[in-house]
């Protein structure tokens, strides 16, 4: 397991790139991975579900803001009076059968952190078999399914596919796994997309411009101001430093910040360490909502969360893509 790092000490894992020799040694594995994903996608025959499917995916590993985007799109469709539900694979959870997630009963160990987080603001489902999941959702009244991740999953037909890209770090070092963070070559992924959602500030990447895809701008914004007083922040997400920077930018007085690997499962020993660290600074602990739901309810005492939402710069661009799918008789 990767060790935590202290952001305030200037250790940013994003900046620790593999040496040229290491990248060269990984090149054959990256080529094999690329061949494998292309073969899987080429051989697949996606199944058509009984309701429309919107996919919110990405091209890289790590956090780019997909889950808040899913939440925002689901909420936007719900405001139109259309029953929309999210569907996640349930990464890290023990449950594999398609099922609806109930925040008062399910835990992150059962269903994964992202679907549990999504269940707190709307209808959330999990299903390793995406086709079976969507069909069950439709049986129980869902009219539009929004997949959280799954751009590289060829099991079902996607009626609308968004690729979410971090404007500050679009494609990492530009290499495919394990040589870099890409899940597939950029051009391959963009060729199957209907639009790009560019998160945060930054120029539109050249390869996105060349694709000719519509580009929607969105950003992650806090649901409220940062708590007052000194804080010790911790996070186990794709890029913990993004959370620390956002907390600081919105008034958080960060005494110390500790980053962990994505989807990190906090042990009692680690939580004890964090509480002692906060006490040494006369501070309170704070984390992301995604981390918060991963912590057992009995262990959440004395830990604050800093909720965020995704906002689109121009909601009319989103409607221009959604409405033909939501109102096919009007198109």
C-alpha atoms as a PDB file:
ATOM      1  CA  UNK A   1       0.000   0.000   0.000  1.00  0.00           C
ATOM      2  CA  UNK A   2       1.229   3.461  -0.836  1.00  0.00           C
ATOM      3  CA  UNK A   3       2.252   5.579   2.111  1.00  0.00           C
ATOM      4  CA  UNK A   4       0.493   8.885   2.808  1.00  0.00           C
ATOM      5  CA  UNK A   5       2.243  12.098   1.888  1.00  0.00           C
ATOM      6  CA  UNK A   6       2.222  15.495   3.534  1.00  0.00           C
ATOM      7  CA  UNK A   7       1.066  18.166   1.108  1.00  0.00           C
ATOM      8  CA  UNK A   8       2.320  21.000   3.260  1.00  0.00           C
ATOM      9  CA  UNK A   9       5.812  19.545   2.928  1.00  0.00           C
ATOM     10  CA  UNK A  10       5.579  20.075  -0.820  1.00  0.00           C
ATOM     11  CA  UNK A  11       5.294  16.415  -1.778  1.00  0.00           C
ATOM     12  CA  UNK A  12       2.887  16.349  -4.715  1.00  0.00           C
ATOM     13  CA  UNK A  13       2.572  12.838  -6.222  1.00  0.00           C
ATOM     14  CA  UNK A  14       1.488  14.354  -9.539  1.00  0.00           C
ATOM     15  CA  UNK A  15       4.987  15.760  -9.946  1.00  0.00           C
ATOM     16  CA  UNK A  16       6.739  12.437  -9.301  1.00  0.00           C
ATOM     17  CA  UNK A  17       6.961  11.084 -12.823  1.00  0.00           C
ATOM     18  CA  UNK A  18       8.785   7.922 -13.743  1.00  0.00           C
ATOM     19  CA  UNK A  19      12.351   8.284 -14.954  1.00  0.00           C
ATOM     20  CA  UNK A  20      12.966   7.936 -18.718  1.00  0.00           C
ATOM     21  CA  UNK A  21      14.509   4.479 -18.260  1.00  0.00           C
ATOM     22  CA  UNK A  22      11.483   3.288 -16.284  1.00  0.00           C
ATOM     23  CA  UNK A  23       9.136   4.622 -18.961  1.00  0.00           C
ATOM     24  CA  UNK A  24      11.157   2.826 -21.630  1.00  0.00           C
ATOM     25  CA  UNK A  25      10.919  -0.456 -19.726  1.00  0.00           C
ATOM     26  CA  UNK A  26       7.153  -0.028 -19.411  1.00  0.00           C
ATOM     27  CA  UNK A  27       6.643   0.691 -23.118  1.00  0.00           C
ATOM     28  CA  UNK A  28       5.986  -2.965 -24.101  1.00  0.00           C
ATOM     29  CA  UNK A  29       3.388  -3.285 -21.329  1.00  0.00           C
ATOM     30  CA  UNK A  30       1.701  -0.070 -22.451  1.00  0.00           C
ATOM     31  CA  UNK A  31       1.586  -1.330 -26.029  1.00  0.00           C
ATOM     32  CA  UNK A  32       0.071  -4.620 -24.832  1.00  0.00           C
ATOM     33  CA  UNK A  33      -2.500  -2.764 -22.747  1.00  0.00           C
ATOM     34  CA  UNK A  34      -3.445  -0.580 -25.731  1.00  0.00           C
ATOM     35  CA  UNK A  35      -3.814  -3.648 -27.940  1.00  0.00           C
ATOM     36  CA  UNK A  36      -6.015  -5.291 -25.308  1.00  0.00           C
ATOM     37  CA  UNK A  37      -8.415  -2.385 -24.839  1.00  0.00           C
ATOM     38  CA  UNK A  38      -8.728  -1.857 -28.586  1.00  0.00           C
ATOM     39  CA  UNK A  39      -9.421  -5.547 -29.131  1.00  0.00           C
ATOM     40  CA  UNK A  40     -12.041  -5.621 -26.366  1.00  0.00           C
ATOM     41  CA  UNK A  41     -13.874  -2.618 -27.797  1.00  0.00           C
ATOM     42  CA  UNK A  42     -13.665  -3.890 -31.388  1.00  0.00           C
ATOM     43  CA  UNK A  43     -15.020  -7.356 -30.574  1.00  0.00           C
ATOM     44  CA  UNK A  44     -17.891  -6.179 -28.356  1.00  0.00           C
ATOM     45  CA  UNK A  45     -21.511  -5.962 -29.440  1.00  0.00           C
ATOM     46  CA  UNK A  46     -23.109  -3.371 -27.141  1.00  0.00           C
ATOM     47  CA  UNK A  47     -26.664  -4.167 -26.040  1.00  0.00           C
ATOM     48  CA  UNK A  48     -29.470  -1.653 -26.390  1.00  0.00           C
ATOM     49  CA  UNK A  49     -31.294  -0.944 -23.128  1.00  0.00           C
ATOM     50  CA  UNK A  50     -34.954  -0.011 -22.797  1.00  0.00           C
ATOM     51  CA  UNK A  51     -34.190   3.527 -21.563  1.00  0.00           C
ATOM     52  CA  UNK A  52     -31.620   6.135 -22.663  1.00  0.00           C
ATOM     53  CA  UNK A  53     -28.134   5.874 -21.177  1.00  0.00           C
ATOM     54  CA  UNK A  54     -25.866   8.871 -20.584  1.00  0.00           C
ATOM     55  CA  UNK A  55     -22.244   7.986 -19.862  1.00  0.00           C
ATOM     56  CA  UNK A  56     -19.933  10.285 -17.910  1.00  0.00           C
ATOM     57  CA  UNK A  57     -16.429   8.890 -18.328  1.00  0.00           C
ATOM     58  CA  UNK A  58     -12.819   9.934 -18.637  1.00  0.00           C
ATOM     59  CA  UNK A  59      -9.595   8.950 -20.337  1.00  0.00           C
ATOM     60  CA  UNK A  60      -7.268   8.872 -17.334  1.00  0.00           C
ATOM     61  CA  UNK A  61      -7.013   7.210 -13.960  1.00  0.00           C
ATOM     62  CA  UNK A  62      -7.521   9.389 -10.913  1.00  0.00           C
ATOM     63  CA  UNK A  63     -10.120  11.971 -10.066  1.00  0.00           C
ATOM     64  CA  UNK A  64     -11.296  14.494 -12.637  1.00  0.00           C
ATOM     65  CA  UNK A  65     -14.700  15.305 -11.132  1.00  0.00           C
ATOM     66  CA  UNK A  66     -16.888  12.668 -12.809  1.00  0.00           C
ATOM     67  CA  UNK A  67     -19.070  11.956  -9.785  1.00  0.00           C
ATOM     68  CA  UNK A  68     -20.033  15.616  -9.131  1.00  0.00           C
ATOM     69  CA  UNK A  69     -20.794  15.932 -12.860  1.00  0.00           C
ATOM     70  CA  UNK A  70     -23.063  12.863 -12.681  1.00  0.00           C
ATOM     71  CA  UNK A  71     -24.772  14.414  -9.683  1.00  0.00           C
ATOM     72  CA  UNK A  72     -25.236  17.741 -11.485  1.00  0.00           C
ATOM     73  CA  UNK A  73     -26.626  16.174 -14.679  1.00  0.00           C
ATOM     74  CA  UNK A  74     -28.974  13.916 -12.701  1.00  0.00           C
ATOM     75  CA  UNK A  75     -30.263  16.895 -10.724  1.00  0.00           C
ATOM     76  CA  UNK A  76     -30.690  18.976 -13.881  1.00  0.00           C
ATOM     77  CA  UNK A  77     -32.767  16.238 -15.534  1.00  0.00           C
ATOM     78  CA  UNK A  78     -34.821  15.752 -12.383  1.00  0.00           C
ATOM     79  CA  UNK A  79     -35.679  19.458 -12.422  1.00  0.00           C
ATOM     80  CA  UNK A  80     -37.300  18.841 -15.814  1.00  0.00           C
ATOM     81  CA  UNK A  81     -39.653  16.350 -14.166  1.00  0.00           C
ATOM     82  CA  UNK A  82     -37.908  13.289 -15.616  1.00  0.00           C
ATOM     83  CA  UNK A  83     -36.935  10.424 -13.310  1.00  0.00           C
ATOM     84  CA  UNK A  84     -33.153  10.085 -13.629  1.00  0.00           C
ATOM     85  CA  UNK A  85     -30.907   7.721 -11.666  1.00  0.00           C
ATOM     86  CA  UNK A  86     -27.166   7.178 -11.525  1.00  0.00           C
ATOM     87  CA  UNK A  87     -25.503   3.823 -12.121  1.00  0.00           C
ATOM     88  CA  UNK A  88     -22.043   2.912 -10.821  1.00  0.00           C
ATOM     89  CA  UNK A  89     -20.011  -0.256 -10.990  1.00  0.00           C
ATOM     90  CA  UNK A  90     -19.622  -0.267  -7.215  1.00  0.00           C
ATOM     91  CA  UNK A  91     -15.828  -0.313  -7.223  1.00  0.00           C
ATOM     92  CA  UNK A  92     -14.421  -1.595  -3.947  1.00  0.00           C
ATOM     93  CA  UNK A  93     -17.771  -2.843  -2.664  1.00  0.00           C
ATOM     94  CA  UNK A  94     -18.716  -6.410  -1.791  1.00  0.00           C
ATOM     95  CA  UNK A  95     -22.108  -6.303  -3.513  1.00  0.00           C
ATOM     96  CA  UNK A  96     -22.107  -7.274  -7.191  1.00  0.00           C
ATOM     97  CA  UNK A  97     -25.796  -7.758  -8.040  1.00  0.00           C
ATOM     98  CA  UNK A  98     -27.691  -4.749  -9.457  1.00  0.00           C
ATOM     99  CA  UNK A  99     -29.426  -2.919  -6.635  1.00  0.00           C
ATOM    100  CA  UNK A 100     -30.594   0.469  -5.463  1.00  0.00           C
ATOM    101  CA  UNK A 101     -28.401   2.119  -2.825  1.00  0.00           C
ATOM    102  CA  UNK A 102     -29.909   3.364   0.425  1.00  0.00           C
ATOM    103  CA  UNK A 103     -27.675   5.777   2.381  1.00  0.00           C
ATOM    104  CA  UNK A 104     -29.206   4.734   5.707  1.00  0.00           C
ATOM    105  CA  UNK A 105     -28.435   1.064   5.164  1.00  0.00           C
ATOM    106  CA  UNK A 106     -25.574   0.602   2.725  1.00  0.00           C
ATOM    107  CA  UNK A 107     -21.951   1.270   3.604  1.00  0.00           C
ATOM    108  CA  UNK A 108     -18.985   2.045   1.370  1.00  0.00           C
ATOM    109  CA  UNK A 109     -17.676  -1.480   2.057  1.00  0.00           C
ATOM    110  CA  UNK A 110     -20.853  -2.826   0.481  1.00  0.00           C
ATOM    111  CA  UNK A 111     -21.263  -0.587  -2.564  1.00  0.00           C
ATOM    112  CA  UNK A 112     -18.224   1.681  -2.932  1.00  0.00           C
ATOM    113  CA  UNK A 113     -17.834   5.315  -1.957  1.00  0.00           C
ATOM    114  CA  UNK A 114     -19.081   7.039  -5.127  1.00  0.00           C
ATOM    115  CA  UNK A 115     -22.536   5.385  -5.374  1.00  0.00           C
ATOM    116  CA  UNK A 116     -23.024   5.870  -1.637  1.00  0.00           C
ATOM    117  CA  UNK A 117     -22.207   9.552  -2.017  1.00  0.00           C
ATOM    118  CA  UNK A 118     -24.570   9.840  -4.990  1.00  0.00           C
ATOM    119  CA  UNK A 119     -27.353   8.188  -2.972  1.00  0.00           C
ATOM    120  CA  UNK A 120     -27.379  11.120  -0.555  1.00  0.00           C
ATOM    121  CA  UNK A 121     -28.711  13.526  -3.172  1.00  0.00           C
ATOM    122  CA  UNK A 122     -30.717  11.328  -5.542  1.00  0.00           C
ATOM    123  CA  UNK A 123     -31.442   7.817  -6.744  1.00  0.00           C
ATOM    124  CA  UNK A 124     -28.278   5.743  -7.037  1.00  0.00           C
ATOM    125  CA  UNK A 125     -27.778   2.184  -8.266  1.00  0.00           C
ATOM    126  CA  UNK A 126     -24.860  -0.198  -8.637  1.00  0.00           C
ATOM    127  CA  UNK A 127     -24.378  -3.061 -11.058  1.00  0.00           C
ATOM    128  CA  UNK A 128     -21.247  -4.801 -12.244  1.00  0.00           C
ATOM    129  CA  UNK A 129     -23.344  -5.928 -15.229  1.00  0.00           C
ATOM    130  CA  UNK A 130     -24.302  -2.520 -16.594  1.00  0.00           C
ATOM    131  CA  UNK A 131     -27.001  -3.873 -18.923  1.00  0.00           C
ATOM    132  CA  UNK A 132     -28.728  -5.775 -16.112  1.00  0.00           C
ATOM    133  CA  UNK A 133     -28.416  -2.707 -13.907  1.00  0.00           C
ATOM    134  CA  UNK A 134     -30.076  -0.361 -16.386  1.00  0.00           C
ATOM    135  CA  UNK A 135     -32.861  -2.827 -17.112  1.00  0.00           C
ATOM    136  CA  UNK A 136     -33.638  -3.192 -13.407  1.00  0.00           C
ATOM    137  CA  UNK A 137     -33.576   0.580 -12.978  1.00  0.00           C
ATOM    138  CA  UNK A 138     -36.072   0.907 -15.840  1.00  0.00           C
ATOM    139  CA  UNK A 139     -38.341  -1.716 -14.242  1.00  0.00           C
ATOM    140  CA  UNK A 140     -38.508   0.407 -11.098  1.00  0.00           C
ATOM    141  CA  UNK A 141     -39.357   3.609 -12.945  1.00  0.00           C
ATOM    142  CA  UNK A 142     -36.099   5.230 -14.027  1.00  0.00           C
ATOM    143  CA  UNK A 143     -36.496   7.026 -17.356  1.00  0.00           C
ATOM    144  CA  UNK A 144     -32.854   8.037 -17.907  1.00  0.00           C
ATOM    145  CA  UNK A 145     -29.763   6.236 -16.600  1.00  0.00           C
ATOM    146  CA  UNK A 146     -26.549   8.187 -15.996  1.00  0.00           C
ATOM    147  CA  UNK A 147     -23.446   6.023 -15.806  1.00  0.00           C
ATOM    148  CA  UNK A 148     -20.701   7.188 -13.482  1.00  0.00           C
ATOM    149  CA  UNK A 149     -17.647   5.975 -15.425  1.00  0.00           C
ATOM    150  CA  UNK A 150     -17.814   3.277 -18.099  1.00  0.00           C
ATOM    151  CA  UNK A 151     -16.495   5.013 -21.204  1.00  0.00           C
ATOM    152  CA  UNK A 152     -14.255   1.983 -21.781  1.00  0.00           C
ATOM    153  CA  UNK A 153     -17.083  -0.467 -20.975  1.00  0.00           C
ATOM    154  CA  UNK A 154     -18.542  -1.792 -24.255  1.00  0.00           C
ATOM    155  CA  UNK A 155     -21.419  -3.746 -22.712  1.00  0.00           C
ATOM    156  CA  UNK A 156     -24.255  -1.353 -23.513  1.00  0.00           C
ATOM    157  CA  UNK A 157     -25.131   1.295 -26.054  1.00  0.00           C
ATOM    158  CA  UNK A 158     -24.522   4.828 -24.777  1.00  0.00           C
ATOM    159  CA  UNK A 159     -26.970   7.332 -26.195  1.00  0.00           C
ATOM    160  CA  UNK A 160     -24.838  10.256 -25.056  1.00  0.00           C
ATOM    161  CA  UNK A 161     -21.202  10.040 -23.977  1.00  0.00           C
ATOM    162  CA  UNK A 162     -19.358  12.778 -22.108  1.00  0.00           C
ATOM    163  CA  UNK A 163     -15.610  12.641 -21.517  1.00  0.00           C
ATOM    164  CA  UNK A 164     -14.536  14.665 -18.468  1.00  0.00           C
ATOM    165  CA  UNK A 165     -11.051  16.202 -18.678  1.00  0.00           C
ATOM    166  CA  UNK A 166      -9.133  18.151 -16.047  1.00  0.00           C
ATOM    167  CA  UNK A 167      -8.016  21.389 -17.711  1.00  0.00           C
ATOM    168  CA  UNK A 168      -5.005  21.612 -15.397  1.00  0.00           C
ATOM    169  CA  UNK A 169      -3.722  18.114 -16.205  1.00  0.00           C
ATOM    170  CA  UNK A 170      -5.534  16.830 -19.305  1.00  0.00           C
ATOM    171  CA  UNK A 171      -3.614  13.647 -20.153  1.00  0.00           C
ATOM    172  CA  UNK A 172      -0.763  13.435 -17.647  1.00  0.00           C
ATOM    173  CA  UNK A 173       2.475  12.427 -19.373  1.00  0.00           C
ATOM    174  CA  UNK A 174       0.504  11.341 -22.449  1.00  0.00           C
ATOM    175  CA  UNK A 175       1.188   7.625 -22.100  1.00  0.00           C
ATOM    176  CA  UNK A 176      -1.182   4.687 -21.656  1.00  0.00           C
ATOM    177  CA  UNK A 177      -1.133   2.462 -18.557  1.00  0.00           C
ATOM    178  CA  UNK A 178       1.154   1.413 -16.957  1.00  0.00           C
ATOM    179  CA  UNK A 179       3.571   3.889 -18.563  1.00  0.00           C
ATOM    180  CA  UNK A 180       1.202   6.778 -17.860  1.00  0.00           C
ATOM    181  CA  UNK A 181      -2.301   7.539 -16.570  1.00  0.00           C
ATOM    182  CA  UNK A 182      -4.263   7.079 -19.818  1.00  0.00           C
ATOM    183  CA  UNK A 183      -6.844   4.292 -19.941  1.00  0.00           C
ATOM    184  CA  UNK A 184      -6.635   4.325 -23.734  1.00  0.00           C
ATOM    185  CA  UNK A 185      -5.100   6.511 -26.439  1.00  0.00           C
ATOM    186  CA  UNK A 186      -6.620   9.976 -26.412  1.00  0.00           C
ATOM    187  CA  UNK A 187      -7.788   9.876 -30.024  1.00  0.00           C
ATOM    188  CA  UNK A 188      -9.501   6.497 -29.471  1.00  0.00           C
ATOM    189  CA  UNK A 189     -11.457   7.755 -26.496  1.00  0.00           C
ATOM    190  CA  UNK A 190     -12.468  11.027 -28.090  1.00  0.00           C
ATOM    191  CA  UNK A 191     -13.668   9.206 -31.222  1.00  0.00           C
ATOM    192  CA  UNK A 192     -16.385   7.468 -29.151  1.00  0.00           C
ATOM    193  CA  UNK A 193     -17.443  10.629 -27.285  1.00  0.00           C
ATOM    194  CA  UNK A 194     -20.218  13.083 -28.111  1.00  0.00           C
ATOM    195  CA  UNK A 195     -18.819  15.968 -26.067  1.00  0.00           C
ATOM    196  CA  UNK A 196     -16.024  16.944 -23.697  1.00  0.00           C
ATOM    197  CA  UNK A 197     -16.558  18.486 -20.265  1.00  0.00           C
ATOM    198  CA  UNK A 198     -13.458  20.516 -19.395  1.00  0.00           C
ATOM    199  CA  UNK A 199     -13.113  20.965 -15.641  1.00  0.00           C
ATOM    200  CA  UNK A 200     -11.596  24.159 -14.262  1.00  0.00           C
ATOM    201  CA  UNK A 201      -9.549  26.872 -15.902  1.00  0.00           C
ATOM    202  CA  UNK A 202      -7.128  26.227 -18.710  1.00  0.00           C
ATOM    203  CA  UNK A 203      -6.906  26.159 -22.479  1.00  0.00           C
ATOM    204  CA  UNK A 204      -8.769  23.564 -24.505  1.00  0.00           C
ATOM    205  CA  UNK A 205      -6.186  20.824 -25.231  1.00  0.00           C
ATOM    206  CA  UNK A 206      -5.061  20.725 -28.848  1.00  0.00           C
ATOM    207  CA  UNK A 207      -6.184  17.142 -29.340  1.00  0.00           C
ATOM    208  CA  UNK A 208      -9.653  18.052 -28.087  1.00  0.00           C
ATOM    209  CA  UNK A 209      -9.760  20.959 -30.537  1.00  0.00           C
ATOM    210  CA  UNK A 210      -8.733  18.628 -33.356  1.00  0.00           C
ATOM    211  CA  UNK A 211     -11.532  16.202 -32.458  1.00  0.00           C
ATOM    212  CA  UNK A 212     -14.171  18.801 -33.308  1.00  0.00           C
ATOM    213  CA  UNK A 213     -16.246  17.772 -30.280  1.00  0.00           C
ATOM    214  CA  UNK A 214     -18.393  20.296 -28.394  1.00  0.00           C
ATOM    215  CA  UNK A 215     -16.600  21.509 -25.257  1.00  0.00           C
ATOM    216  CA  UNK A 216     -18.584  22.334 -22.132  1.00  0.00           C
ATOM    217  CA  UNK A 217     -16.922  24.192 -19.281  1.00  0.00           C
ATOM    218  CA  UNK A 218     -17.614  23.181 -15.685  1.00  0.00           C
ATOM    219  CA  UNK A 219     -15.954  23.533 -12.329  1.00  0.00           C
ATOM    220  CA  UNK A 220     -16.103  22.140  -8.802  1.00  0.00           C
ATOM    221  CA  UNK A 221     -17.367  24.641  -6.249  1.00  0.00           C
ATOM    222  CA  UNK A 222     -17.817  24.265  -2.473  1.00  0.00           C
ATOM    223  CA  UNK A 223     -21.343  24.061  -1.137  1.00  0.00           C
ATOM    224  CA  UNK A 224     -20.395  26.624   1.496  1.00  0.00           C
ATOM    225  CA  UNK A 225     -17.454  28.436   3.074  1.00  0.00           C
ATOM    226  CA  UNK A 226     -14.637  26.597   4.774  1.00  0.00           C
ATOM    227  CA  UNK A 227     -15.026  26.091   8.535  1.00  0.00           C
ATOM    228  CA  UNK A 228     -13.302  28.670  10.697  1.00  0.00           C
ATOM    229  CA  UNK A 229     -10.233  27.969  12.768  1.00  0.00           C
ATOM    230  CA  UNK A 230      -7.177  25.793  12.120  1.00  0.00           C
ATOM    231  CA  UNK A 231      -7.763  22.605  10.124  1.00  0.00           C
ATOM    232  CA  UNK A 232      -5.922  19.384   9.417  1.00  0.00           C
ATOM    233  CA  UNK A 233      -7.126  18.155   6.034  1.00  0.00           C
ATOM    234  CA  UNK A 234      -6.862  14.626   4.698  1.00  0.00           C
ATOM    235  CA  UNK A 235      -8.089  12.967   1.534  1.00  0.00           C
ATOM    236  CA  UNK A 236      -7.843   9.699  -0.366  1.00  0.00           C
ATOM    237  CA  UNK A 237      -8.980  10.710  -3.835  1.00  0.00           C
ATOM    238  CA  UNK A 238      -7.385  10.765  -7.296  1.00  0.00           C
ATOM    239  CA  UNK A 239      -5.588  14.063  -6.671  1.00  0.00           C
ATOM    240  CA  UNK A 240      -5.751  14.987  -2.966  1.00  0.00           C
ATOM    241  CA  UNK A 241      -3.848  18.227  -3.576  1.00  0.00           C
ATOM    242  CA  UNK A 242      -6.837  19.564  -5.559  1.00  0.00           C
ATOM    243  CA  UNK A 243      -8.968  19.262  -2.430  1.00  0.00           C
ATOM    244  CA  UNK A 244      -6.331  20.907  -0.251  1.00  0.00           C
ATOM    245  CA  UNK A 245      -5.913  23.785  -2.695  1.00  0.00           C
ATOM    246  CA  UNK A 246      -9.673  24.301  -2.989  1.00  0.00           C
ATOM    247  CA  UNK A 247     -10.090  24.299   0.784  1.00  0.00           C
ATOM    248  CA  UNK A 248      -7.291  26.845   1.126  1.00  0.00           C
ATOM    249  CA  UNK A 249      -8.632  29.005  -1.723  1.00  0.00           C
ATOM    250  CA  UNK A 250     -12.020  29.195   0.008  1.00  0.00           C
ATOM    251  CA  UNK A 251     -10.696  30.397   3.325  1.00  0.00           C
ATOM    252  CA  UNK A 252      -9.530  27.215   5.002  1.00  0.00           C
ATOM    253  CA  UNK A 253      -6.732  27.699   7.548  1.00  0.00           C
ATOM    254  CA  UNK A 254      -4.789  24.489   6.846  1.00  0.00           C
ATOM    255  CA  UNK A 255      -2.204  23.607   9.474  1.00  0.00           C
ATOM    256  CA  UNK A 256      -1.371  20.258   7.881  1.00  0.00           C
ATOM    257  CA  UNK A 257      -2.676  18.158   4.983  1.00  0.00           C
ATOM    258  CA  UNK A 258      -2.253  14.430   4.459  1.00  0.00           C
ATOM    259  CA  UNK A 259      -2.911  12.653   1.170  1.00  0.00           C
ATOM    260  CA  UNK A 260      -3.723   8.958   0.686  1.00  0.00           C
ATOM    261  CA  UNK A 261      -4.300   6.767  -2.396  1.00  0.00           C
ATOM    262  CA  UNK A 262      -7.653   6.917  -4.194  1.00  0.00           C
ATOM    263  CA  UNK A 263     -10.508   4.995  -2.491  1.00  0.00           C
ATOM    264  CA  UNK A 264      -8.363   4.592   0.619  1.00  0.00           C
ATOM    265  CA  UNK A 265      -9.902   2.529   3.427  1.00  0.00           C
ATOM    266  CA  UNK A 266      -8.961   4.267   6.685  1.00  0.00           C
ATOM    267  CA  UNK A 267      -7.887   1.959   9.483  1.00  0.00           C
ATOM    268  CA  UNK A 268      -8.475   2.764  13.168  1.00  0.00           C
ATOM    269  CA  UNK A 269      -4.715   3.296  13.508  1.00  0.00           C
ATOM    270  CA  UNK A 270      -4.668   5.827  10.681  1.00  0.00           C
ATOM    271  CA  UNK A 271      -7.672   7.697  12.067  1.00  0.00           C
ATOM    272  CA  UNK A 272      -5.989   7.728  15.482  1.00  0.00           C
ATOM    273  CA  UNK A 273      -2.892   9.242  13.891  1.00  0.00           C
ATOM    274  CA  UNK A 274      -4.968  11.938  12.174  1.00  0.00           C
ATOM    275  CA  UNK A 275      -6.782  12.842  15.404  1.00  0.00           C
ATOM    276  CA  UNK A 276      -3.441  13.138  17.233  1.00  0.00           C
ATOM    277  CA  UNK A 277      -2.064  15.277  14.413  1.00  0.00           C
ATOM    278  CA  UNK A 278      -5.059  17.610  14.629  1.00  0.00           C
ATOM    279  CA  UNK A 279      -4.749  17.815  18.398  1.00  0.00           C
ATOM    280  CA  UNK A 280      -1.073  18.748  18.105  1.00  0.00           C
ATOM    281  CA  UNK A 281      -2.072  21.721  15.947  1.00  0.00           C
ATOM    282  CA  UNK A 282      -5.103  22.658  18.038  1.00  0.00           C
ATOM    283  CA  UNK A 283      -7.101  22.009  14.867  1.00  0.00           C
ATOM    284  CA  UNK A 284     -10.137  20.126  13.623  1.00  0.00           C
ATOM    285  CA  UNK A 285     -10.063  17.335  11.061  1.00  0.00           C
ATOM    286  CA  UNK A 286     -11.696  17.897   7.677  1.00  0.00           C
ATOM    287  CA  UNK A 287     -12.010  15.722   4.585  1.00  0.00           C
ATOM    288  CA  UNK A 288     -13.959  15.340   1.350  1.00  0.00           C
ATOM    289  CA  UNK A 289     -17.525  14.016   1.303  1.00  0.00           C
ATOM    290  CA  UNK A 290     -16.256  11.030  -0.698  1.00  0.00           C
ATOM    291  CA  UNK A 291     -13.768  10.196   2.070  1.00  0.00           C
ATOM    292  CA  UNK A 292     -16.339  10.899   4.766  1.00  0.00           C
ATOM    293  CA  UNK A 293     -18.755   8.217   3.527  1.00  0.00           C
ATOM    294  CA  UNK A 294     -15.893   5.684   3.501  1.00  0.00           C
ATOM    295  CA  UNK A 295     -15.341   6.173   7.223  1.00  0.00           C
ATOM    296  CA  UNK A 296     -17.541   4.002   9.436  1.00  0.00           C
ATOM    297  CA  UNK A 297     -20.328   6.078  11.056  1.00  0.00           C
ATOM    298  CA  UNK A 298     -19.034   5.171  14.512  1.00  0.00           C
ATOM    299  CA  UNK A 299     -15.653   6.721  13.629  1.00  0.00           C
ATOM    300  CA  UNK A 300     -16.856  10.011  12.124  1.00  0.00           C
ATOM    301  CA  UNK A 301     -16.938  11.926  15.402  1.00  0.00           C
ATOM    302  CA  UNK A 302     -14.758  15.019  15.327  1.00  0.00           C
ATOM    303  CA  UNK A 303     -14.363  14.908  11.525  1.00  0.00           C
ATOM    304  CA  UNK A 304     -15.814  17.627   9.309  1.00  0.00           C
ATOM    305  CA  UNK A 305     -16.595  17.284   5.615  1.00  0.00           C
ATOM    306  CA  UNK A 306     -16.252  19.904   2.881  1.00  0.00           C
ATOM    307  CA  UNK A 307     -19.021  19.179   0.339  1.00  0.00           C
ATOM    308  CA  UNK A 308     -18.653  20.318  -3.263  1.00  0.00           C
ATOM    309  CA  UNK A 309     -20.855  20.439  -6.344  1.00  0.00           C
ATOM    310  CA  UNK A 310     -20.224  20.765 -10.062  1.00  0.00           C
ATOM    311  CA  UNK A 311     -21.492  23.805 -11.938  1.00  0.00           C
ATOM    312  CA  UNK A 312     -21.625  24.315 -15.699  1.00  0.00           C
ATOM    313  CA  UNK A 313     -20.549  27.689 -17.040  1.00  0.00           C
ATOM    314  CA  UNK A 314     -23.328  27.640 -19.661  1.00  0.00           C
ATOM    315  CA  UNK A 315     -26.216  25.296 -18.880  1.00  0.00           C
ATOM    316  CA  UNK A 316     -27.656  25.976 -22.335  1.00  0.00           C
ATOM    317  CA  UNK A 317     -24.812  23.971 -23.886  1.00  0.00           C
ATOM    318  CA  UNK A 318     -25.785  21.019 -21.724  1.00  0.00           C
ATOM    319  CA  UNK A 319     -29.448  21.356 -22.681  1.00  0.00           C
ATOM    320  CA  UNK A 320     -28.542  21.448 -26.362  1.00  0.00           C
ATOM    321  CA  UNK A 321     -27.079  17.947 -25.948  1.00  0.00           C
ATOM    322  CA  UNK A 322     -29.624  16.562 -23.487  1.00  0.00           C
ATOM    323  CA  UNK A 323     -32.909  17.778 -24.967  1.00  0.00           C
ATOM    324  CA  UNK A 324     -32.865  15.698 -28.197  1.00  0.00           C
ATOM    325  CA  UNK A 325     -32.433  12.640 -25.992  1.00  0.00           C
ATOM    326  CA  UNK A 326     -34.980  13.662 -23.362  1.00  0.00           C
ATOM    327  CA  UNK A 327     -37.596  14.954 -25.802  1.00  0.00           C
ATOM    328  CA  UNK A 328     -37.150  12.870 -28.995  1.00  0.00           C
ATOM    329  CA  UNK A 329     -40.596  13.800 -30.312  1.00  0.00           C
ATOM    330  CA  UNK A 330     -39.567  17.475 -30.449  1.00  0.00           C
ATOM    331  CA  UNK A 331     -36.370  16.935 -32.409  1.00  0.00           C
END
